Amino acid sequence: MVTEILNVKDLNNSYENIVKGAQYLKNGEVVAIPTETVYGLAADAFNEDAIKKVFKVKGRPQDNPLLVHIHKLEQVHDICKDIPKEAEKVFDAFWPGSVTLIFNKKDCISDTVTAGMKTVAVRFPKSEIARAIIKESKTLLVAPSANLSGKPSTTSAKHCYNDLNEKIPCILDGGSSSIGLESTIIDMSTKDPVLLREGAVSVDEICKVIPNLIYKKNLLSVKDNEIPKAPGMKYRHYAPDAPLTLVEGDYIKTSKWIKESANEDDVVICFEEFLNDFNDYQHTYSLGSFETLNVAAKKIFDLLRECDKLDISHIYIQAPNNSGLGNSIINRLEKASAGNIVHI
C-alpha cells in the first residue's frame, strides 16, 4: 500500500484534498487527520470493519475505547443519552475545543468503539480542518491518536508517516498541531463529573465551570483486569525507545540531580533556563521556558520522537511544576517513563 500525503493546511485552496480524504473514509478506509491536539487515526464510527482496521493498524488492545468526533454540537444528541444539564456549561465554555466528554451511549454506537461499555467518549474539535473532514465524510469519526500503540503521539504528518507508512492509504497534512497534547477527558455519566484524563484544558479551568468536578489521581488509571472508560488509563503510552527518567521537584534541584546522574552522551530535556548547566552534553533539548508551559506541551512528543533517531542509552527529562498544564505534561511523561520517576 502506498501512503499518500495530501496538503490541507489551507482550507480555501486545498479543499479538493479534504474531499479526497473524506472519500477514503466513505470507502471504509483509515486516514490520519490533523486536529488541534494531536493527529488522529480516523475511520467511520458506524462502519464495523473500518473501526476494526483502526485497532489493527495501531496494534491497539481491544479493551481500549475510542473517541467519537463530531463536527457540530447537535450530533452529541444523536449518539448519547442522559446528557445532564451540567454538560451544557461545558459545551458553552469549551466546545468546540480540547475537552472530551463521556455520556451513556445510544445503540447506534457499537460495542467495538466503546470496548463493550455502555458509555461513549465524544469530542468536538476546535480545528476547522478536522471539522471539515468530518463534515465532508458524511458520518462521525473515531480517531485515536495516529501513532502505533505505546509510542509518542503524533503532532505532524511526518510523525504519522514514520509510524503508518504503507499501513494506511492517506495522511492529511494540516501542519503541526497547535496544542500538541491530547484532550482532557471528563466522565459526565456519573452523579458528579469525574476527571479521567488530564489534558490540553487544565483542571483549574474546568473547575471554574463545574466546581463539583471530582479530581483524584487514583481515578486516572485502572487495574490490569479492568476496562478503562477512556484512553490513556491502562496501558503504557507515549514511550520512546530508550529508557526515560522523569525528575520532578524544584527546578534548580532537578537540574542539579540530572547533571550529577546523566552521562554526557545521554539525552537531557530541560527548560531553557537550565540549558547552560548541560553545555558539555552531546544531546540537550529545550522545552522552552518554565513560564510558558504551552510551548513545552507542543514540543514534548516531537522531542521524544527525535530521541528515537539517536543512538543513546537513556533520556532524562526535567518535569514542570505540578499545577495547571504542568499536571497534564507530567501525566504523559510519567506514562512514558513506565514509573521511572525521581522526586527531588
Protein backbone atom coordinates (compact mmCIF):
# COMPACT_ATOMS: atom_id res chain seq x y z
CA MET A 1 0.00 0.00 0.00
CA VAL A 2 1.34 3.43 -0.96
CA THR A 3 0.53 6.07 1.65
CA GLU A 4 -0.49 9.35 0.04
CA ILE A 5 0.15 12.66 1.83
CA LEU A 6 -2.35 15.39 0.95
CA ASN A 7 -1.82 19.02 1.96
CA VAL A 8 -4.87 20.51 3.72
CA LYS A 9 -3.17 23.38 5.55
CA ASP A 10 -5.19 25.99 3.69
CA LEU A 11 -8.86 25.06 3.58
CA ASN A 12 -9.65 27.63 0.90
CA ASN A 13 -7.02 26.39 -1.53
CA SER A 14 -6.90 22.67 -0.76
CA TYR A 15 -10.50 21.64 -0.19
CA GLU A 16 -10.23 19.10 -3.00
CA ASN A 17 -7.82 17.19 -0.75
CA ILE A 18 -10.36 17.27 2.08
CA VAL A 19 -12.85 15.74 -0.35
CA LYS A 20 -10.33 13.10 -1.40
CA GLY A 21 -9.51 12.18 2.19
CA ALA A 22 -13.20 12.02 3.04
CA GLN A 23 -13.77 9.67 0.11
CA TYR A 24 -11.27 7.23 1.62
CA LEU A 25 -13.30 7.37 4.84
CA LYS A 26 -16.57 6.80 2.98
CA ASN A 27 -14.96 3.76 1.38
CA GLY A 28 -14.22 2.24 4.80
CA GLU A 29 -10.52 3.15 4.87
CA VAL A 30 -8.47 4.56 7.74
CA VAL A 31 -6.97 8.06 7.33
CA ALA A 32 -4.64 10.14 9.52
CA ILE A 33 -6.15 13.58 10.11
CA PRO A 34 -4.94 16.74 11.88
CA THR A 35 -6.62 18.18 14.96
CA GLU A 36 -5.52 20.97 17.29
CA THR A 37 -4.44 18.45 19.94
CA VAL A 38 -2.65 15.64 18.08
CA TYR A 39 -3.20 13.83 14.79
CA GLY A 40 -5.98 11.24 14.81
CA LEU A 41 -6.31 7.89 13.05
CA ALA A 42 -9.81 8.33 11.67
CA ALA A 43 -12.46 5.88 10.49
CA ASP A 44 -16.23 5.85 10.04
CA ALA A 45 -17.70 5.47 13.53
CA PHE A 46 -20.59 3.38 12.13
CA ASN A 47 -18.55 1.04 9.93
CA GLU A 48 -17.57 -2.00 11.98
CA ASP A 49 -14.91 -3.18 9.54
CA ALA A 50 -13.33 0.27 9.42
CA ILE A 51 -13.30 0.51 13.22
CA LYS A 52 -11.53 -2.84 13.44
CA LYS A 53 -8.91 -1.57 10.98
CA VAL A 54 -8.05 1.21 13.43
CA PHE A 55 -7.26 -1.33 16.16
CA LYS A 56 -5.26 -3.46 13.72
CA VAL A 57 -3.22 -0.61 12.24
CA LYS A 58 -2.33 0.82 15.64
CA GLY A 59 -1.82 -2.52 17.35
CA ARG A 60 -4.30 -1.22 19.90
CA PRO A 61 -5.74 -3.51 22.58
CA GLN A 62 -9.44 -4.23 22.03
CA ASP A 63 -10.32 -3.10 25.57
CA ASN A 64 -9.03 0.44 24.95
CA PRO A 65 -12.08 2.51 23.87
CA LEU A 66 -12.10 5.03 21.03
CA LEU A 67 -13.25 8.65 20.97
CA VAL A 68 -16.01 9.68 18.56
CA HIS A 69 -15.52 13.04 16.85
CA ILE A 70 -18.39 15.29 15.78
CA HIS A 71 -18.45 18.46 13.65
CA LYS A 72 -21.49 20.19 15.16
CA LEU A 73 -22.89 20.27 18.66
CA GLU A 74 -26.28 18.75 17.82
CA GLN A 75 -24.61 15.47 16.89
CA VAL A 76 -23.83 14.66 20.51
CA HIS A 77 -27.58 14.07 20.98
CA ASP A 78 -27.59 11.62 18.04
CA ILE A 79 -25.25 9.19 19.79
CA CYS A 80 -25.65 9.97 23.51
CA LYS A 81 -28.47 9.89 26.06
CA ASP A 82 -29.00 11.06 29.64
CA ILE A 83 -26.99 14.22 28.98
CA PRO A 84 -27.05 16.21 32.24
CA LYS A 85 -27.73 19.94 32.34
CA GLU A 86 -24.26 20.40 33.79
CA ALA A 87 -22.82 19.31 30.47
CA GLU A 88 -24.34 22.40 28.86
CA LYS A 89 -21.91 24.52 30.88
CA VAL A 90 -19.01 22.57 29.44
CA PHE A 91 -20.44 22.87 25.93
CA ASP A 92 -20.65 26.64 26.32
CA ALA A 93 -17.18 27.03 27.81
CA PHE A 94 -15.06 24.52 25.91
CA TRP A 95 -16.79 23.23 22.75
CA PRO A 96 -15.59 23.21 20.09
CA GLY A 97 -12.29 22.54 21.79
CA SER A 98 -9.93 20.19 23.56
CA VAL A 99 -12.30 18.61 26.08
CA THR A 100 -13.77 15.12 25.59
CA LEU A 101 -16.97 14.21 27.44
CA ILE A 102 -18.26 10.74 28.30
CA PHE A 103 -22.01 10.03 28.25
CA ASN A 104 -24.27 6.98 28.18
CA LYS A 105 -24.37 5.82 24.58
CA LYS A 106 -27.24 5.12 22.24
CA ASP A 107 -27.43 1.76 20.48
CA CYS A 108 -26.15 3.24 17.20
CA ILE A 109 -22.62 3.24 18.65
CA SER A 110 -21.19 -0.25 18.58
CA ASP A 111 -19.58 -2.06 21.49
CA THR A 112 -16.37 -2.27 19.44
CA VAL A 113 -15.99 1.51 19.73
CA THR A 114 -16.62 1.52 23.49
CA ALA A 115 -14.83 -1.72 24.45
CA GLY A 116 -18.20 -3.18 25.45
CA MET A 117 -19.13 -0.39 27.82
CA LYS A 118 -22.43 1.47 27.79
CA THR A 119 -20.71 4.85 27.64
CA VAL A 120 -19.07 6.69 24.76
CA ALA A 121 -16.44 9.44 24.71
CA VAL A 122 -17.23 12.39 22.42
CA ARG A 123 -15.05 15.23 21.19
CA PHE A 124 -15.99 18.33 19.19
CA PRO A 125 -12.61 19.52 17.86
CA LYS A 126 -11.75 23.19 17.52
CA SER A 127 -9.70 22.57 14.38
CA GLU A 128 -11.61 23.83 11.34
CA ILE A 129 -9.72 21.32 9.21
CA ALA A 130 -10.80 18.41 11.40
CA ARG A 131 -14.41 19.57 11.39
CA ALA A 132 -14.35 19.97 7.60
CA ILE A 133 -13.09 16.41 7.20
CA ILE A 134 -15.83 15.04 9.47
CA LYS A 135 -18.49 17.05 7.68
CA GLU A 136 -17.31 16.02 4.21
CA SER A 137 -17.17 12.35 5.21
CA LYS A 138 -20.95 12.46 5.91
CA THR A 139 -20.52 10.50 9.12
CA LEU A 140 -18.92 10.70 12.56
CA LEU A 141 -15.35 9.57 13.04
CA VAL A 142 -13.48 7.55 15.60
CA ALA A 143 -9.99 8.99 15.79
CA PRO A 144 -7.50 7.82 18.42
CA SER A 145 -4.00 9.28 18.14
CA ALA A 146 -2.37 8.40 14.81
CA ASN A 147 0.61 6.52 16.21
CA LEU A 148 1.50 2.91 16.86
CA SER A 149 0.18 1.94 20.29
CA GLY A 150 2.59 2.76 23.07
CA LYS A 151 4.65 5.23 21.04
CA PRO A 152 4.63 9.04 21.43
CA SER A 153 1.58 10.70 19.93
CA THR A 154 1.85 12.32 16.51
CA THR A 155 1.74 16.10 16.13
CA SER A 156 2.71 16.34 12.44
CA ALA A 157 2.15 14.49 9.19
CA LYS A 158 5.83 13.49 9.30
CA HIS A 159 5.26 11.69 12.60
CA CYS A 160 2.26 9.87 11.11
CA TYR A 161 4.27 8.82 8.07
CA ASN A 162 7.06 7.43 10.26
CA ASP A 163 4.59 5.19 12.10
CA LEU A 164 1.98 4.41 9.46
CA ASN A 165 3.64 4.46 6.04
CA GLU A 166 2.28 1.58 3.93
CA LYS A 167 -0.27 0.80 6.66
CA ILE A 168 -2.90 3.35 5.63
CA PRO A 169 -3.78 4.88 2.24
CA CYS A 170 -3.77 8.56 3.19
CA ILE A 171 -2.41 11.19 5.58
CA LEU A 172 -3.98 14.64 5.52
CA ASP A 173 -1.24 17.16 6.32
CA GLY A 174 -2.60 20.10 8.29
CA GLY A 175 0.76 21.24 9.65
CA SER A 176 1.91 20.96 13.25
CA SER A 177 -0.75 20.54 15.93
CA SER A 178 -1.30 23.88 17.63
CA ILE A 179 -1.60 22.36 21.13
CA GLY A 180 0.34 19.11 20.90
CA LEU A 181 -1.29 17.43 23.91
CA GLU A 182 -4.39 15.24 23.89
CA SER A 183 -7.76 16.41 25.10
CA THR A 184 -8.89 16.50 28.71
CA ILE A 185 -11.48 13.78 29.39
CA ILE A 186 -14.42 14.16 31.79
CA ASP A 187 -16.93 11.45 32.64
CA MET A 188 -20.40 13.01 32.66
CA SER A 189 -22.24 9.69 33.06
CA THR A 190 -21.72 9.67 36.83
CA LYS A 191 -23.57 11.52 39.61
CA ASP A 192 -20.80 14.13 39.73
CA PRO A 193 -18.44 14.71 36.78
CA VAL A 194 -15.13 12.86 37.13
CA LEU A 195 -11.82 13.75 35.51
CA LEU A 196 -10.39 10.68 33.74
CA ARG A 197 -7.50 12.25 31.80
CA GLU A 198 -5.61 15.48 32.29
CA GLY A 199 -5.03 17.26 29.04
CA ALA A 200 -4.97 20.42 26.97
CA VAL A 201 -7.53 22.19 29.18
CA SER A 202 -6.37 22.38 32.80
CA VAL A 203 -8.31 21.14 35.80
CA ASP A 204 -8.37 24.68 37.19
CA GLU A 205 -10.11 25.96 34.04
CA ILE A 206 -12.71 23.21 34.21
CA CYS A 207 -13.41 23.69 37.92
CA LYS A 208 -14.34 27.30 37.24
CA VAL A 209 -17.20 25.97 35.11
CA ILE A 210 -18.14 22.82 37.06
CA PRO A 211 -16.89 23.27 40.66
CA ASN A 212 -18.10 19.78 41.67
CA LEU A 213 -15.61 18.07 39.34
CA ILE A 214 -14.08 15.06 41.07
CA TYR A 215 -10.31 15.05 40.51
CA LYS A 216 -8.31 12.30 42.19
CA LYS A 217 -5.02 10.87 40.94
CA ASN A 218 -6.12 7.29 41.68
CA LEU A 219 -9.08 7.72 39.29
CA LEU A 220 -6.80 8.47 36.31
CA SER A 221 -5.83 4.82 35.89
CA VAL A 222 -7.36 1.36 36.19
CA LYS A 223 -6.11 -2.08 37.22
CA ASP A 224 -4.97 -4.68 34.70
CA ASN A 225 -8.22 -6.63 34.98
CA GLU A 226 -10.43 -3.56 34.45
CA ILE A 227 -11.68 -1.97 31.23
CA PRO A 228 -10.82 1.74 31.06
CA LYS A 229 -13.60 4.21 30.34
CA ALA A 230 -11.18 6.45 28.46
CA PRO A 231 -7.89 6.11 26.55
CA GLY A 232 -4.67 6.54 28.48
CA MET A 233 -5.90 4.96 31.71
CA LYS A 234 -4.41 1.48 31.47
CA TYR A 235 -1.58 0.83 29.02
CA ARG A 236 1.87 2.34 28.72
CA HIS A 237 1.73 5.28 26.33
CA TYR A 238 3.99 7.85 24.72
CA ALA A 239 7.15 5.80 25.24
CA PRO A 240 10.39 6.43 23.29
CA ASP A 241 12.73 3.54 22.52
CA ALA A 242 15.33 4.44 25.18
CA PRO A 243 14.57 4.28 28.92
CA LEU A 244 13.30 7.58 30.30
CA THR A 245 13.74 9.05 33.77
CA LEU A 246 11.41 11.86 34.79
CA VAL A 247 12.83 14.12 37.51
CA GLU A 248 10.20 16.03 39.49
CA GLY A 249 10.64 18.80 42.04
CA ASP A 250 12.26 22.22 42.44
CA TYR A 251 13.78 23.30 39.14
CA ILE A 252 17.23 24.14 40.49
CA LYS A 253 17.43 20.86 42.40
CA THR A 254 16.19 18.74 39.48
CA SER A 255 18.72 20.32 37.12
CA LYS A 256 21.50 19.61 39.59
CA TRP A 257 20.36 15.99 40.07
CA ILE A 258 20.26 15.34 36.32
CA LYS A 259 23.74 16.84 35.87
CA GLU A 260 25.09 14.56 38.60
CA SER A 261 23.31 11.46 37.27
CA ALA A 262 23.33 11.61 33.46
CA ASN A 263 26.24 10.62 31.27
CA GLU A 264 27.45 13.16 28.73
CA ASP A 265 26.15 11.02 25.85
CA ASP A 266 22.64 10.69 27.35
CA VAL A 267 19.78 12.93 26.25
CA VAL A 268 18.79 15.76 28.58
CA ILE A 269 15.49 17.56 28.00
CA CYS A 270 15.13 20.59 30.26
CA PHE A 271 13.75 24.10 30.45
CA GLU A 272 15.72 26.76 28.62
CA GLU A 273 16.65 28.50 31.86
CA PHE A 274 18.89 25.49 32.67
CA LEU A 275 20.42 24.70 29.27
CA ASN A 276 23.75 26.21 30.28
CA ASP A 277 24.06 23.57 33.00
CA PHE A 278 24.50 20.96 30.25
CA ASN A 279 26.91 22.63 27.81
CA ASP A 280 29.17 19.56 27.91
CA TYR A 281 26.38 17.15 26.93
CA GLN A 282 26.02 15.90 23.35
CA HIS A 283 22.21 15.81 23.22
CA THR A 284 20.39 18.59 25.04
CA TYR A 285 16.92 19.84 24.10
CA SER A 286 14.87 22.76 25.40
CA LEU A 287 11.24 22.58 26.50
CA GLY A 288 11.06 26.35 26.29
CA SER A 289 10.73 28.49 29.38
CA PHE A 290 9.11 27.06 32.52
CA GLU A 291 6.90 30.17 32.38
CA THR A 292 5.37 29.09 29.03
CA LEU A 293 4.26 25.51 29.52
CA ASN A 294 2.09 25.65 26.40
CA VAL A 295 5.39 25.59 24.48
CA ALA A 296 6.53 22.50 26.38
CA ALA A 297 3.19 20.80 25.70
CA LYS A 298 3.56 21.46 21.99
CA LYS A 299 7.16 20.22 21.87
CA ILE A 300 7.24 17.17 24.11
CA PHE A 301 6.07 14.43 21.71
CA ASP A 302 8.27 15.78 18.92
CA LEU A 303 11.29 15.71 21.23
CA LEU A 304 10.58 12.14 22.32
CA ARG A 305 10.42 11.13 18.66
CA GLU A 306 13.71 12.94 17.97
CA CYS A 307 15.29 10.80 20.67
CA ASP A 308 14.33 7.67 18.73
CA LYS A 309 16.62 8.82 15.92
CA LEU A 310 19.67 8.82 18.21
CA ASP A 311 21.93 6.02 19.39
CA ILE A 312 21.52 6.67 23.11
CA SER A 313 21.15 4.68 26.30
CA HIS A 314 18.98 6.98 28.43
CA ILE A 315 16.76 10.07 28.46
CA TYR A 316 16.45 12.45 31.41
CA ILE A 317 13.61 14.97 31.50
CA GLN A 318 13.14 17.89 33.87
CA ALA A 319 9.48 17.92 34.89
CA PRO A 320 7.37 21.09 35.06
CA ASN A 321 5.74 22.17 38.29
CA ASN A 322 2.62 20.13 39.08
CA SER A 323 -0.04 22.76 38.54
CA GLY A 324 -2.23 23.76 35.60
CA LEU A 325 -0.92 22.48 32.28
CA GLY A 326 2.13 21.14 34.09
CA ASN A 327 -0.04 18.36 35.54
CA SER A 328 -1.04 17.25 32.05
CA ILE A 329 2.55 17.20 30.81
CA ILE A 330 3.66 15.25 33.88
CA ASN A 331 0.82 12.77 33.30
CA ARG A 332 2.15 11.98 29.81
CA LEU A 333 5.79 11.78 30.90
CA GLU A 334 5.03 9.54 33.88
CA LYS A 335 3.40 7.07 31.50
CA ALA A 336 6.30 7.36 29.06
CA SER A 337 8.76 6.63 31.89
CA ALA A 338 6.98 3.40 32.92
CA GLY A 339 7.23 4.54 36.53
CA ASN A 340 10.91 5.53 36.41
CA ILE A 341 10.35 8.76 38.33
CA VAL A 342 12.65 10.60 40.71
CA HIS A 343 11.19 13.07 43.23
CA ILE A 344 13.65 15.68 44.45
